[in-house]
């Protein structure tokens, strides 16, 4: 249901190629994040949220520079300043956080977004806009999981591990928002060129 190893490898392959060939600074930044896997962009967004001390959902140049450096994206100081200008469309000295992520997220067609939202809605049983362990019970069957069969993990442990797949490594909280779910699948989508295959994958995995 999450990205397979093949999808992850294809995503990284495409990302590394884009880093070498693209002249669009937004595409290069996107590719550098995706080279880390399907959660790469989400990882950067989490880091920026932590750095937004005044919680105004805006990034100034210093916050932006610190985030890029701490995430290890290999930019010089001058390159970061130029990149900031690309996102600072109104030259206000600040980047709107939501607009930044929207622009950085790999584009998905309307049909793909609808499929991802259908899957989220199916998992979000209590319709509170987030997926937690309680939502997965009865939807995700753990009984054939090897670690459940040998008694090593409980049902809750397996479900939590599954949720962590969609979250950023190192900051997993066991709660997946709609935006996090879409972010994750936008990255998976970037590794799949064929619409019919993406459609089949989503419908088969989530029984849509």
Protein backbone atom coordinates (compact mmCIF):
# COMPACT_ATOMS: atom_id res chain seq x y z
CA UNK A 1 0.00 0.00 0.00
CA UNK A 2 2.94 2.26 0.59
CA UNK A 3 5.67 2.85 -1.97
CA UNK A 4 7.39 -0.35 -2.99
CA UNK A 5 11.16 -0.65 -3.10
CA UNK A 6 10.91 -0.49 -6.90
CA UNK A 7 8.97 2.78 -6.75
CA UNK A 8 11.50 4.23 -4.33
CA UNK A 9 14.43 3.27 -6.56
CA UNK A 10 12.72 4.67 -9.65
CA UNK A 11 11.95 7.88 -7.78
CA UNK A 12 15.57 8.27 -6.73
CA UNK A 13 16.82 7.46 -10.24
CA UNK A 14 14.60 10.14 -11.80
CA UNK A 15 15.50 12.62 -9.10
CA UNK A 16 19.25 12.17 -9.56
CA UNK A 17 18.84 12.60 -13.31
CA UNK A 18 16.82 15.80 -12.78
CA UNK A 19 19.51 17.20 -10.48
CA UNK A 20 22.05 16.78 -13.28
CA UNK A 21 19.92 17.96 -16.22
CA UNK A 22 17.34 20.47 -15.00
CA UNK A 23 17.94 24.23 -15.17
CA UNK A 24 14.78 25.09 -13.21
CA UNK A 25 15.80 25.85 -9.59
CA UNK A 26 12.44 24.63 -8.24
CA UNK A 27 12.79 21.32 -10.09
CA UNK A 28 16.34 20.89 -8.80
CA UNK A 29 15.30 21.53 -5.18
CA UNK A 30 12.38 19.12 -5.62
CA UNK A 31 14.71 16.50 -7.08
CA UNK A 32 17.24 16.88 -4.25
CA UNK A 33 14.44 16.19 -1.77
CA UNK A 34 13.01 13.27 -3.77
CA UNK A 35 16.45 11.70 -4.06
CA UNK A 36 15.94 10.90 -0.37
CA UNK A 37 12.77 8.93 -1.13
CA UNK A 38 9.00 9.47 -1.06
CA UNK A 39 9.16 11.35 2.25
CA UNK A 40 11.94 13.71 1.19
CA UNK A 41 9.82 16.82 0.63
CA UNK A 42 7.79 16.14 3.74
CA UNK A 43 11.01 15.93 5.73
CA UNK A 44 12.04 19.41 4.59
CA UNK A 45 8.57 20.76 5.40
CA UNK A 46 8.76 19.30 8.92
CA UNK A 47 12.12 20.96 9.44
CA UNK A 48 10.78 24.33 8.30
CA UNK A 49 7.80 24.03 10.64
CA UNK A 50 10.13 23.48 13.58
CA UNK A 51 12.09 26.58 12.62
CA UNK A 52 9.02 28.78 12.32
CA UNK A 53 9.43 30.16 15.83
CA UNK A 54 6.66 32.76 15.66
CA UNK A 55 4.27 30.30 13.92
CA UNK A 56 3.31 32.83 11.24
CA UNK A 57 3.66 30.20 8.50
CA UNK A 58 6.23 32.32 6.72
CA UNK A 59 9.95 31.82 6.16
CA UNK A 60 12.51 34.61 6.05
CA UNK A 61 15.87 34.17 4.33
CA UNK A 62 17.67 33.14 7.52
CA UNK A 63 15.06 30.47 8.38
CA UNK A 64 15.15 29.25 4.79
CA UNK A 65 18.96 29.09 4.74
CA UNK A 66 19.10 27.28 8.06
CA UNK A 67 16.54 24.70 6.93
CA UNK A 68 18.27 24.03 3.62
CA UNK A 69 21.64 23.62 5.35
CA UNK A 70 20.36 21.42 8.19
CA UNK A 71 18.63 19.16 5.69
CA UNK A 72 21.98 18.73 3.93
CA UNK A 73 20.87 19.78 0.45
CA UNK A 74 24.32 20.99 -0.64
CA UNK A 75 23.75 24.61 -1.60
CA UNK A 76 26.18 27.50 -1.23
CA UNK A 77 25.14 30.64 0.64
CA UNK A 78 24.73 32.56 -2.63
CA UNK A 79 22.73 29.72 -4.23
CA UNK A 80 20.35 29.68 -1.26
CA UNK A 81 19.83 33.45 -1.59
CA UNK A 82 19.03 33.08 -5.29
CA UNK A 83 16.69 30.16 -4.58
CA UNK A 84 14.91 32.20 -1.93
CA UNK A 85 14.26 34.94 -4.51
CA UNK A 86 12.60 32.38 -6.80
CA UNK A 87 10.04 31.54 -4.13
CA UNK A 88 9.72 35.12 -2.80
CA UNK A 89 7.53 36.19 -5.71
CA UNK A 90 6.40 39.50 -4.24
CA UNK A 91 9.90 40.42 -2.95
CA UNK A 92 8.51 40.80 0.58
CA UNK A 93 11.51 39.11 2.18
CA UNK A 94 9.29 36.20 3.27
CA UNK A 95 8.00 33.01 1.68
CA UNK A 96 4.49 31.82 2.42
CA UNK A 97 4.99 28.33 3.83
CA UNK A 98 1.93 26.70 2.25
CA UNK A 99 2.63 28.24 -1.16
CA UNK A 100 6.22 27.04 -0.98
CA UNK A 101 5.18 23.45 -0.30
CA UNK A 102 2.46 23.55 -2.93
CA UNK A 103 4.99 24.66 -5.53
CA UNK A 104 7.62 22.16 -4.42
CA UNK A 105 5.29 19.17 -4.35
CA UNK A 106 5.50 17.08 -7.55
CA UNK A 107 2.45 17.89 -9.72
CA UNK A 108 -0.32 15.29 -9.85
CA UNK A 109 -3.18 15.15 -12.33
CA UNK A 110 -6.69 15.76 -11.04
CA UNK A 111 -7.56 12.08 -11.50
CA UNK A 112 -4.58 10.96 -9.42
CA UNK A 113 -5.39 13.42 -6.64
CA UNK A 114 -8.97 12.14 -6.58
CA UNK A 115 -7.74 8.55 -6.19
CA UNK A 116 -5.41 9.51 -3.34
CA UNK A 117 -8.25 11.37 -1.60
CA UNK A 118 -10.55 8.38 -2.04
CA UNK A 119 -7.97 6.18 -0.32
CA UNK A 120 -7.57 8.69 2.51
CA UNK A 121 -11.33 8.98 2.98
CA UNK A 122 -11.65 5.20 3.16
CA UNK A 123 -8.99 5.00 5.88
CA UNK A 124 -10.33 7.99 7.81
CA UNK A 125 -13.22 6.06 9.30
CA UNK A 126 -14.31 8.66 11.85
CA UNK A 127 -13.95 11.51 9.31
CA UNK A 128 -11.82 13.73 11.56
CA UNK A 129 -9.31 14.54 8.83
CA UNK A 130 -6.53 12.30 10.09
CA UNK A 131 -5.59 8.63 10.09
CA UNK A 132 -4.66 6.96 13.37
CA UNK A 133 -4.34 3.39 14.59
CA UNK A 134 -8.04 3.27 15.48
CA UNK A 135 -8.94 4.08 11.86
CA UNK A 136 -6.87 1.21 10.49
CA UNK A 137 -8.42 -1.52 12.61
CA UNK A 138 -10.73 -3.56 10.42
CA UNK A 139 -9.27 -1.95 7.28
CA UNK A 140 -5.67 -3.13 7.41
CA UNK A 141 -5.43 -6.83 8.25
CA UNK A 142 -2.33 -7.70 10.27
CA UNK A 143 -3.08 -11.39 10.78
CA UNK A 144 -0.71 -12.55 8.04
CA UNK A 145 2.10 -10.22 9.08
CA UNK A 146 5.15 -12.37 10.01
CA UNK A 147 5.79 -10.51 13.27
CA UNK A 148 2.15 -10.89 14.30
CA UNK A 149 2.23 -14.60 13.52
CA UNK A 150 5.34 -15.19 15.64
CA UNK A 151 4.05 -13.03 18.48
CA UNK A 152 6.84 -10.46 18.23
CA UNK A 153 4.51 -7.50 17.55
CA UNK A 154 0.96 -6.73 18.61
CA UNK A 155 -1.72 -5.49 16.20
CA UNK A 156 -1.21 -1.90 17.43
CA UNK A 157 2.55 -2.10 16.91
CA UNK A 158 2.12 -3.30 13.33
CA UNK A 159 -0.47 -0.63 12.56
CA UNK A 160 1.78 2.07 14.02
CA UNK A 161 4.69 0.82 11.91
CA UNK A 162 2.46 1.02 8.85
CA UNK A 163 1.48 4.63 9.66
CA UNK A 164 5.14 5.54 10.12
CA UNK A 165 5.68 4.67 6.45
CA UNK A 166 3.77 7.81 5.48
CA UNK A 167 5.53 10.04 7.99
CA UNK A 168 8.98 11.62 8.04
CA UNK A 169 11.72 9.42 9.42
CA UNK A 170 12.76 10.60 12.86
CA UNK A 171 9.60 12.58 13.59
CA UNK A 172 6.85 9.97 13.37
CA UNK A 173 3.83 10.75 15.53
CA UNK A 174 1.36 8.03 14.50
CA UNK A 175 -1.06 10.58 13.02
CA UNK A 176 -1.29 11.15 9.26
CA UNK A 177 -3.11 14.23 7.98
CA UNK A 178 -4.72 14.47 4.55
CA UNK A 179 -1.92 16.79 3.45
CA UNK A 180 0.77 14.36 4.61
CA UNK A 181 -0.99 11.54 2.75
CA UNK A 182 -1.19 13.60 -0.45
CA UNK A 183 2.44 14.71 -0.06
CA UNK A 184 3.52 11.10 0.23
CA UNK A 185 1.61 9.93 -2.82
CA UNK A 186 2.64 12.94 -4.91
CA UNK A 187 6.18 11.68 -4.48
CA UNK A 188 5.19 8.10 -5.32
CA UNK A 189 3.31 9.48 -8.32
CA UNK A 190 6.52 11.12 -9.56
CA UNK A 191 8.02 7.64 -9.99
CA UNK A 192 5.09 6.38 -12.11
CA UNK A 193 4.66 7.76 -15.63
CA UNK A 194 1.71 5.60 -16.62
CA UNK A 195 -1.68 6.88 -15.40
CA UNK A 196 -3.32 3.48 -15.88
CA UNK A 197 -0.71 1.83 -13.68
CA UNK A 198 -1.09 4.45 -10.94
CA UNK A 199 -4.86 3.98 -11.09
CA UNK A 200 -4.55 0.20 -10.86
CA UNK A 201 -2.04 0.41 -8.01
CA UNK A 202 -4.26 2.68 -5.90
CA UNK A 203 -7.48 0.75 -6.58
CA UNK A 204 -5.84 -2.62 -5.92
CA UNK A 205 -3.93 -1.55 -2.80
CA UNK A 206 -6.84 0.25 -1.16
CA UNK A 207 -9.73 -1.74 -2.70
CA UNK A 208 -11.33 1.41 -4.10
